Amino acid sequence: MQLPKKGGLFFLYGPGGTGKTFLYNTVLAKLRSERLIVLAVASSGIASLLLPGGQTAHSRFVIPLELMENSTCGIKQKTHLAALIQEARLIIWDEAPMTQRFAFEALDKTLRDILGAKDDANRLKLFGGMPILLGGDFRQIFPVVTKGKRQEVVHACINRSDLWQHCELHALSRIMRVNEYTADGHVDARKHEFNKWVLNVGEGKVPALCKDGEDEPTWIKIPDEFIIKSEKTPIEAIVDTIFPDFINKQEDDDYLRERAILTTRNDDADEINKHMFKKLQGAKMTFKSSDEICKGSTDNINQHYSYPVEFLNKLNFPGVPPHKLKLKLGQPIMLL
């Protein structure tokens, strides 16, 4: 893979699910396999976790929290971070649209200074001659401007910066998260229409409605064909739709891998898991945790009396298994 010697600014644009993160990871794996240094950053902490060796952009480049038009990054010459940047061959920045344009302008000025220390010609190049690959979707999160109006938020976007006129745009359009094609290569009309409707929501083409007592239209109507209707309970209805004939196919690994039920609430996930757990065949096994207060977390010598084991066993934290973990042989689990 050849990187441009004169640098350049590139933007990978595509809706969620089109494979942007997969492409980043492919580029990272290719270049790092050639023993080249690539810095992978993202605008949010969650997005940075999806990149191997990823960090938030503010952390990696010491971008100030209060950004102004003349801001620069807090990276000094002849430091380890400056030396790392001088050796890097590419910077990948995910979820770029949610960062204010002043952050990119600050990075541009800082890279010109740091890379210009090795070659004065770099001071005149965009980002000091460092190739920059940005990515994201402008349909999603815009930069946060405190008490800012619509025009102020739009003005803070990267595509309102003078840097944008030097940007080379690349787009991904096919949504891989909901595959529109059947096994024989034909287009599934229902999935195609669903993907099209999701894009229309993101682009604001779906008319919004107001509820009683509200002044601003913030609600949209979901088409009936995308809603699961059943006389059963909601959990039973969605389980029967996503996992048809589960009783007979629960030992089929391919059947389980190609299906998932997503929910935003932990208590809903617990209810769905309990419902599915009852359908699983086999003997139930219960594994209990060993809970205790870390001795280095407090100076109180009577901590064991303040926090009895029975109290610790009742605590249930998001992302942490409960005190009693019930499993059955062959049950699929996710390790985070």
Protein backbone atom coordinates (compact mmCIF):
# COMPACT_ATOMS: atom_id res chain seq x y z
CA MET A 1 0.00 0.00 0.00
CA GLN A 2 1.45 3.32 -1.13
CA LEU A 3 0.82 6.40 1.02
CA PRO A 4 0.92 9.82 -0.66
CA LYS A 5 4.32 11.45 -0.04
CA LYS A 6 2.77 14.92 -0.04
CA GLY A 7 0.13 13.96 2.50
CA GLY A 8 -3.49 14.84 1.92
CA LEU A 9 -6.85 15.03 3.62
CA PHE A 10 -9.34 12.27 2.90
CA PHE A 11 -12.87 11.73 4.18
CA LEU A 12 -14.65 8.38 4.24
CA TYR A 13 -18.37 9.12 4.22
CA GLY A 14 -21.11 6.56 4.75
CA PRO A 15 -24.17 5.79 6.86
CA GLY A 16 -23.92 3.54 9.90
CA GLY A 17 -23.41 -0.09 8.94
CA THR A 18 -21.64 0.48 5.62
CA GLY A 19 -18.33 -0.91 6.91
CA LYS A 20 -16.28 2.19 7.78
CA THR A 21 -14.79 0.63 10.92
CA PHE A 22 -14.04 -2.60 9.03
CA LEU A 23 -12.15 -0.57 6.42
CA TYR A 24 -10.18 1.33 9.09
CA ASN A 25 -9.14 -1.93 10.73
CA THR A 26 -8.13 -3.41 7.37
CA VAL A 27 -5.91 -0.41 6.62
CA LEU A 28 -4.43 -0.53 10.12
CA ALA A 29 -3.67 -4.25 9.85
CA LYS A 30 -2.06 -3.84 6.42
CA LEU A 31 0.21 -0.92 7.30
CA ARG A 32 1.17 -2.18 10.74
CA SER A 33 2.05 -5.57 9.23
CA GLU A 34 4.62 -3.62 7.20
CA ARG A 35 5.99 -2.19 10.48
CA LEU A 36 4.63 1.27 9.74
CA ILE A 37 3.26 3.49 12.51
CA VAL A 38 -0.39 4.50 12.14
CA LEU A 39 -2.17 6.60 14.76
CA ALA A 40 -5.82 5.60 15.20
CA VAL A 41 -8.09 8.04 17.03
CA ALA A 42 -11.79 8.76 17.32
CA SER A 43 -13.90 11.64 18.55
CA SER A 44 -15.57 9.50 21.25
CA GLY A 45 -14.24 6.96 23.69
CA ILE A 46 -16.63 4.23 22.55
CA ALA A 47 -15.63 4.64 18.90
CA SER A 48 -11.94 4.55 19.85
CA LEU A 49 -12.41 1.12 21.45
CA LEU A 50 -13.34 -0.31 18.04
CA LEU A 51 -9.92 0.61 16.60
CA PRO A 52 -6.82 -1.47 17.50
CA GLY A 53 -4.64 0.75 19.65
CA GLY A 54 -7.24 3.52 19.36
CA GLN A 55 -7.45 6.60 21.59
CA THR A 56 -9.63 9.66 21.71
CA ALA A 57 -8.31 12.44 19.50
CA HIS A 58 -8.22 14.87 22.43
CA SER A 59 -6.06 12.47 24.42
CA ARG A 60 -3.65 11.54 21.62
CA PHE A 61 -3.07 15.05 20.27
CA VAL A 62 -3.58 17.01 23.52
CA ILE A 63 -6.35 19.07 21.95
CA PRO A 64 -7.57 21.81 24.32
CA LEU A 65 -11.09 21.42 25.66
CA GLU A 66 -11.92 25.08 25.05
CA LEU A 67 -11.28 25.56 21.35
CA MET A 68 -10.89 28.87 19.56
CA GLU A 69 -9.91 29.85 16.04
CA ASN A 70 -6.24 30.29 17.00
CA SER A 71 -5.98 27.18 19.20
CA THR A 72 -3.09 24.72 18.90
CA CYS A 73 -2.47 21.29 20.39
CA GLY A 74 -0.40 21.04 23.56
CA ILE A 75 2.43 19.00 22.01
CA LYS A 76 5.96 20.31 22.52
CA GLN A 77 8.95 19.77 20.31
CA LYS A 78 11.50 17.08 21.30
CA THR A 79 9.01 15.11 23.39
CA HIS A 80 8.19 11.42 23.01
CA LEU A 81 4.79 12.28 21.50
CA ALA A 82 6.35 14.65 18.98
CA ALA A 83 8.88 11.95 18.01
CA LEU A 84 6.05 9.43 17.60
CA ILE A 85 4.15 11.78 15.31
CA GLN A 86 7.29 12.37 13.23
CA GLU A 87 7.61 8.62 12.68
CA ALA A 88 3.92 8.06 11.91
CA ARG A 89 2.86 7.49 8.31
CA LEU A 90 -0.91 7.95 8.63
CA ILE A 91 -3.57 9.29 11.02
CA ILE A 92 -7.06 7.75 11.03
CA TRP A 93 -9.76 9.78 12.78
CA ASP A 94 -13.20 8.16 13.16
CA GLU A 95 -16.45 9.99 13.93
CA ALA A 96 -14.87 13.24 12.72
CA PRO A 97 -18.16 15.15 12.12
CA MET A 98 -18.87 15.31 15.85
CA THR A 99 -15.69 17.32 16.55
CA GLN A 100 -15.52 21.09 16.09
CA ARG A 101 -13.57 22.31 13.08
CA PHE A 102 -11.22 24.28 15.34
CA ALA A 103 -9.81 20.94 16.58
CA PHE A 104 -8.75 19.98 13.04
CA GLU A 105 -7.34 23.44 12.41
CA ALA A 106 -5.38 23.19 15.67
CA LEU A 107 -4.00 19.81 14.59
CA ASP A 108 -3.08 21.26 11.19
CA LYS A 109 -1.03 24.05 12.78
CA THR A 110 0.59 21.65 15.27
CA LEU A 111 1.61 19.07 12.64
CA ARG A 112 3.08 21.79 10.43
CA ASP A 113 5.23 22.85 13.38
CA ILE A 114 6.29 19.35 14.51
CA LEU A 115 6.92 17.88 11.06
CA GLY A 116 8.48 21.14 9.93
CA ALA A 117 11.27 20.56 12.43
CA LYS A 118 12.48 17.69 10.21
CA ASP A 119 11.88 19.47 6.92
CA ASP A 120 11.07 23.16 6.56
CA ALA A 121 9.03 22.39 3.44
CA ASN A 122 6.46 20.61 5.64
CA ARG A 123 5.47 23.94 7.24
CA LEU A 124 3.78 24.88 3.96
CA LYS A 125 1.98 21.54 3.49
CA LEU A 126 -1.49 20.62 4.68
CA PHE A 127 -1.12 18.90 8.09
CA GLY A 128 2.62 19.12 7.61
CA GLY A 129 2.49 16.53 4.82
CA MET A 130 0.88 13.90 7.06
CA PRO A 131 -1.92 11.89 5.33
CA ILE A 132 -5.13 12.26 7.35
CA LEU A 133 -8.07 9.88 6.88
CA LEU A 134 -11.24 11.19 8.48
CA GLY A 135 -14.49 9.26 8.60
CA GLY A 136 -18.05 9.47 9.79
CA ASP A 137 -21.61 10.31 8.90
CA PHE A 138 -23.03 13.83 8.97
CA ARG A 139 -26.48 12.33 9.61
CA GLN A 140 -25.40 11.42 13.12
CA ILE A 141 -23.94 13.64 15.85
CA PHE A 142 -22.93 17.23 15.08
CA PRO A 143 -20.40 19.12 17.22
CA VAL A 144 -21.76 20.20 20.60
CA VAL A 145 -21.91 23.98 20.90
CA THR A 146 -23.01 25.12 24.35
CA LYS A 147 -26.32 26.96 24.01
CA GLY A 148 -25.59 27.24 20.31
CA LYS A 149 -28.26 27.79 17.69
CA ARG A 150 -28.62 25.73 14.54
CA GLN A 151 -26.43 28.02 12.43
CA GLU A 152 -23.70 28.02 15.09
CA VAL A 153 -23.66 24.21 15.21
CA VAL A 154 -23.46 23.98 11.41
CA HIS A 155 -20.67 26.59 11.34
CA ALA A 156 -18.67 24.45 13.80
CA CYS A 157 -18.62 21.42 11.45
CA ILE A 158 -15.45 20.30 9.66
CA ASN A 159 -16.98 20.93 6.24
CA ARG A 160 -17.20 24.65 7.10
CA SER A 161 -13.43 24.84 7.59
CA ASP A 162 -11.01 26.10 4.93
CA LEU A 163 -9.39 22.66 5.20
CA TRP A 164 -12.44 21.06 3.58
CA GLN A 165 -11.66 22.49 0.14
CA HIS A 166 -8.51 20.30 0.11
CA CYS A 167 -10.43 17.18 1.18
CA GLU A 168 -10.86 14.19 -1.13
CA LEU A 169 -14.23 12.55 -0.48
CA HIS A 170 -14.89 8.79 -0.69
CA ALA A 171 -18.30 7.28 0.00
CA LEU A 172 -19.70 3.92 1.07
CA SER A 173 -23.34 3.28 0.26
CA ARG A 174 -24.21 -0.38 0.72
CA ILE A 175 -25.43 -1.09 4.26
CA MET A 176 -23.86 -4.35 5.44
CA ARG A 177 -25.59 -4.40 8.83
CA VAL A 178 -28.88 -5.35 7.14
CA ASN A 179 -27.87 -7.37 4.09
CA GLU A 180 -30.29 -6.65 1.26
CA TYR A 181 -29.35 -9.74 -0.74
CA THR A 182 -30.67 -13.26 -0.36
CA ALA A 183 -28.50 -16.39 -0.50
CA ASP A 184 -29.11 -16.74 -4.25
CA GLY A 185 -28.02 -13.14 -4.95
CA HIS A 186 -31.43 -11.51 -5.38
CA VAL A 187 -32.47 -8.29 -3.65
CA ASP A 188 -34.78 -8.69 -0.66
CA ALA A 189 -37.37 -5.96 -1.28
CA ARG A 190 -38.40 -5.67 2.38
CA LYS A 191 -34.83 -5.23 3.64
CA HIS A 192 -34.10 -2.80 0.81
CA GLU A 193 -37.07 -0.66 1.77
CA PHE A 194 -36.04 -0.76 5.44
CA ASN A 195 -32.52 0.46 4.65
CA LYS A 196 -33.96 3.21 2.46
CA TRP A 197 -36.36 4.30 5.22
CA VAL A 198 -33.53 4.45 7.82
CA LEU A 199 -31.50 6.70 5.50
CA ASN A 200 -34.54 8.93 4.96
CA VAL A 201 -34.91 9.28 8.74
CA GLY A 202 -31.28 10.35 9.03
CA GLU A 203 -31.63 12.86 6.20
CA GLY A 204 -34.79 14.38 7.68
CA LYS A 205 -36.99 13.31 4.78
CA VAL A 206 -39.48 11.50 7.03
CA PRO A 207 -42.07 14.03 8.29
CA ALA A 208 -41.97 14.63 12.04
CA LEU A 209 -45.04 14.95 14.25
CA CYS A 210 -45.90 16.81 17.46
CA LYS A 211 -47.50 15.16 20.44
CA ASP A 212 -50.17 16.95 22.45
CA GLY A 213 -48.68 19.82 24.41
CA GLU A 214 -45.44 19.91 22.43
CA ASP A 215 -44.35 22.81 20.22
CA GLU A 216 -41.58 21.14 18.22
CA PRO A 217 -42.16 18.07 16.01
CA THR A 218 -39.76 15.39 17.28
CA TRP A 219 -41.70 12.14 16.69
CA ILE A 220 -41.85 10.02 13.55
CA LYS A 221 -44.27 7.26 12.58
CA ILE A 222 -42.76 3.83 11.96
CA PRO A 223 -44.37 2.12 8.95
CA ASP A 224 -46.57 -0.82 9.86
CA GLU A 225 -44.51 -3.23 7.74
CA PHE A 226 -41.51 -2.68 10.04
CA ILE A 227 -43.44 -3.40 13.24
CA ILE A 228 -43.88 -6.88 14.69
CA LYS A 229 -47.54 -7.41 15.53
CA SER A 230 -48.72 -10.32 17.62
CA GLU A 231 -51.31 -11.27 20.18
CA LYS A 232 -48.52 -12.60 22.40
CA THR A 233 -46.43 -10.53 24.81
CA PRO A 234 -43.89 -8.20 23.12
CA ILE A 235 -40.94 -10.38 24.18
CA GLU A 236 -42.57 -13.56 22.87
CA ALA A 237 -43.44 -11.85 19.61
CA ILE A 238 -39.94 -10.56 18.89
CA VAL A 239 -38.27 -13.83 19.97
CA ASP A 240 -40.53 -15.90 17.71
CA THR A 241 -39.82 -13.52 14.81
CA ILE A 242 -36.02 -13.33 15.19
CA PHE A 243 -35.54 -16.95 16.33
CA PRO A 244 -38.18 -19.02 14.50
CA ASP A 245 -38.19 -22.73 15.38
CA PHE A 246 -35.69 -22.04 18.18
CA ILE A 247 -36.50 -25.25 20.04
CA ASN A 248 -35.30 -27.44 17.17
CA LYS A 249 -32.39 -25.25 16.02
CA GLN A 250 -30.83 -24.13 19.28
CA GLU A 251 -27.81 -26.40 18.73
CA ASP A 252 -27.17 -24.99 15.24
CA ASP A 253 -24.22 -22.58 15.66
CA ASP A 254 -24.75 -20.89 12.28
CA TYR A 255 -28.42 -20.30 13.11
CA LEU A 256 -27.47 -18.58 16.39
CA ARG A 257 -24.60 -16.52 14.96
CA GLU A 258 -26.67 -14.87 12.24
CA ARG A 259 -29.32 -13.57 14.65
CA ALA A 260 -29.36 -11.07 17.50
CA ILE A 261 -31.88 -8.98 19.43
CA LEU A 262 -30.66 -5.49 20.32
CA THR A 263 -32.09 -3.31 23.05
CA THR A 264 -31.00 -0.08 24.71
CA ARG A 265 -32.10 -0.97 28.25
CA ASN A 266 -30.39 -3.47 30.54
CA ASP A 267 -33.63 -4.55 32.20
CA ASP A 268 -35.14 -5.34 28.78
CA ALA A 269 -32.06 -7.39 27.92
CA ASP A 270 -32.43 -9.29 31.20
CA GLU A 271 -36.08 -10.09 30.48
CA ILE A 272 -35.26 -11.32 26.96
CA ASN A 273 -32.39 -13.45 28.29
CA LYS A 274 -34.64 -15.01 30.94
CA HIS A 275 -37.26 -15.83 28.31
CA MET A 276 -34.69 -17.43 25.98
CA PHE A 277 -33.04 -19.24 28.88
CA LYS A 278 -36.28 -21.07 29.66
CA LYS A 279 -36.47 -22.32 26.07
CA LEU A 280 -32.98 -23.85 26.20
CA GLN A 281 -32.82 -27.59 26.76
CA GLY A 282 -30.46 -29.15 29.26
CA ALA A 283 -29.65 -28.93 32.94
CA LYS A 284 -29.27 -25.54 34.59
CA MET A 285 -25.98 -24.71 36.31
CA THR A 286 -25.50 -21.78 38.69
CA PHE A 287 -22.15 -20.07 39.19
CA LYS A 288 -21.70 -17.65 42.07
CA SER A 289 -19.28 -14.75 42.26
CA SER A 290 -16.75 -14.17 45.05
CA ASP A 291 -17.37 -10.60 46.20
CA GLU A 292 -15.21 -8.64 48.62
CA ILE A 293 -14.12 -5.04 49.15
CA CYS A 294 -10.69 -4.26 47.73
CA LYS A 295 -8.35 -3.76 50.68
CA GLY A 296 -6.66 -0.82 48.98
CA SER A 297 -9.90 1.07 48.34
CA THR A 298 -10.43 2.29 51.90
CA ASP A 299 -8.50 2.89 55.11
CA ASN A 300 -11.39 1.74 57.26
CA ILE A 301 -10.31 -1.36 59.16
CA ASN A 302 -13.97 -2.20 59.81
CA GLN A 303 -14.88 -2.21 56.13
CA HIS A 304 -16.07 -5.84 56.28
CA TYR A 305 -18.70 -4.82 58.82
CA SER A 306 -19.78 -1.81 56.71
CA TYR A 307 -20.07 -3.81 53.49
CA PRO A 308 -21.19 -7.38 54.31
CA VAL A 309 -20.91 -10.01 51.61
CA GLU A 310 -24.70 -10.32 51.42
CA PHE A 311 -24.91 -6.65 50.44
CA LEU A 312 -22.19 -7.00 47.79
CA ASN A 313 -23.94 -10.01 46.28
CA LYS A 314 -27.06 -7.93 45.65
CA LEU A 315 -25.23 -5.28 43.60
CA ASN A 316 -25.88 -5.51 39.87
CA PHE A 317 -23.75 -3.33 37.58
CA PRO A 318 -24.17 -2.85 33.82
CA GLY A 319 -21.66 -4.94 31.88
CA VAL A 320 -20.82 -7.11 34.91
CA PRO A 321 -22.37 -10.56 35.40
CA PRO A 322 -24.78 -10.90 38.35
CA HIS A 323 -23.81 -12.67 41.54
CA LYS A 324 -25.68 -15.78 40.41
CA LEU A 325 -24.89 -16.56 36.77
CA LYS A 326 -27.19 -19.25 35.41
CA LEU A 327 -25.97 -21.13 32.34
CA LYS A 328 -26.90 -24.20 30.31
CA LEU A 329 -24.69 -26.34 28.13
CA GLY A 330 -24.57 -24.91 24.60
CA GLN A 331 -25.89 -21.50 25.64
CA PRO A 332 -24.32 -18.69 23.54
CA ILE A 333 -22.63 -15.97 25.59
CA MET A 334 -20.89 -12.70 24.75
CA LEU A 335 -17.56 -11.77 26.32
CA LEU A 336 -16.98 -8.00 26.60
